[in-house]
Protein backbone atom coordinates (compact mmCIF):
# COMPACT_ATOMS: atom_id res chain seq x y z
CA MET A 1 104.44 113.58 111.07
CA SER A 2 107.67 111.78 110.19
CA SER A 3 107.54 109.45 113.22
CA GLN A 4 103.92 108.45 112.59
CA LEU A 5 102.61 105.87 110.19
CA LEU A 6 99.80 106.48 107.74
CA ARG A 7 97.12 103.79 107.78
CA HIS A 8 94.87 103.31 104.76
CA VAL A 9 91.81 101.25 105.79
CA VAL A 10 89.53 99.85 103.10
CA LEU A 11 86.21 98.09 103.76
CA PHE A 12 84.29 96.15 101.11
CA SER A 13 80.71 94.96 100.87
CA PHE A 14 80.07 92.63 97.96
CA LYS A 15 77.04 92.28 95.72
CA ASP A 16 74.73 89.36 96.44
CA ASP A 17 75.65 87.74 93.13
CA ALA A 18 79.41 87.93 93.78
CA SER A 19 80.60 84.33 93.90
CA TYR A 20 83.08 82.88 96.36
CA ASP A 21 85.59 82.70 93.48
CA ASP A 22 85.01 86.38 92.65
CA VAL A 23 85.66 87.43 96.24
CA ASP A 24 88.65 85.12 96.53
CA ALA A 25 90.16 86.67 93.38
CA ILE A 26 89.68 90.13 94.88
CA VAL A 27 91.37 89.14 98.14
CA THR A 28 94.24 87.60 96.17
CA GLY A 29 94.48 90.66 93.94
CA PHE A 30 94.61 93.04 96.89
CA ALA A 31 97.29 90.90 98.56
CA ALA A 32 99.47 91.22 95.44
CA LEU A 33 99.58 95.03 95.60
CA PRO A 34 102.32 95.38 98.26
CA ALA A 35 104.78 93.48 96.06
CA ALA A 36 103.80 95.53 93.00
CA ILE A 37 103.69 99.02 94.50
CA PRO A 38 106.63 100.64 96.32
CA GLY A 39 105.93 102.48 99.56
CA ILE A 40 103.55 100.00 101.18
CA THR A 41 105.32 99.09 104.42
CA ALA A 42 102.69 96.72 105.83
CA TYR A 43 99.52 94.95 104.70
CA GLU A 44 96.88 92.93 106.49
CA TRP A 45 93.32 91.88 105.93
CA GLY A 46 90.50 89.97 107.52
CA THR A 47 86.77 89.38 107.52
CA ASN A 48 84.30 90.77 109.99
CA VAL A 49 83.89 88.71 113.16
CA SER A 50 82.27 91.36 115.36
CA PRO A 51 79.23 90.14 117.33
CA GLU A 52 77.81 93.70 117.47
CA GLY A 53 76.11 93.61 114.07
CA LEU A 54 77.21 97.16 113.25
CA ASN A 55 79.20 96.40 110.09
CA ASP A 56 76.48 97.79 107.76
CA GLY A 57 77.08 94.99 105.24
CA PHE A 58 80.86 95.40 105.12
CA THR A 59 82.53 92.01 105.36
CA HIS A 60 86.18 92.49 104.35
CA CYS A 61 88.73 94.89 105.83
CA PHE A 62 92.16 95.65 104.35
CA THR A 63 94.79 97.85 105.98
CA LEU A 64 97.83 99.25 104.23
CA THR A 65 100.55 101.18 106.02
CA PHE A 66 102.66 103.94 104.50
CA ALA A 67 105.55 105.91 105.97
CA GLN A 68 104.44 109.13 104.31
CA ALA A 69 101.46 110.64 102.51
CA GLU A 70 103.41 110.78 99.25
CA ASP A 71 103.70 106.97 99.25
CA ARG A 72 99.93 106.64 99.74
CA ASP A 73 99.32 109.18 96.98
CA ALA A 74 101.59 107.26 94.59
CA TYR A 75 99.76 104.02 95.48
CA LEU A 76 96.38 105.54 94.62
CA VAL A 77 97.40 106.35 91.03
CA HIS A 78 99.71 103.36 90.47
CA PRO A 79 98.69 101.25 87.43
CA ALA A 80 98.55 98.06 89.53
CA HIS A 81 96.09 99.71 91.93
CA ARG A 82 93.99 101.03 89.06
CA ARG A 83 93.85 97.56 87.47
CA PHE A 84 92.80 96.09 90.82
CA VAL A 85 89.99 98.65 91.17
CA GLU A 86 88.70 97.80 87.69
CA MET A 87 88.76 94.08 88.51
CA LEU A 88 86.90 94.77 91.78
CA LYS A 89 84.07 96.92 90.41
CA PRO A 90 81.75 94.21 89.03
CA SER A 91 81.52 92.48 92.43
CA LEU A 92 81.56 95.51 94.73
CA ALA A 93 78.35 96.72 96.38
CA LYS A 94 80.04 99.50 98.34
CA SER A 95 83.35 100.50 99.85
CA LEU A 96 84.49 102.73 102.65
CA VAL A 97 88.02 104.15 102.86
CA LEU A 98 89.55 105.90 105.84
CA ASP A 99 93.11 107.14 106.21
CA TYR A 100 94.61 108.18 109.52
CA TRP A 101 97.95 108.90 111.11
CA ALA A 102 98.53 106.22 113.75
CA LYS A 103 99.17 107.63 117.20
């Protein structure tokens, strides 16, 4: 697996009472993680623009890339990630996380 990249895809659906400022703070907080946590080799995010209507309420997608599973595992327990998750919880309706080795 050394030549492959590990993608960590995170989807968020926010509660109806989550304000624009709440969501903006979450997006900003997520964007700060690559600088705070070693091992993240790439980061991108965006909002759903699919015309298919199959997003099941998920509006925001974030993708992190790691060179190895150990880097992803360290990210998951890193204090900066844990603080971000705690900040996110009051506004989050649901999340979906999928990791895969890019081919």
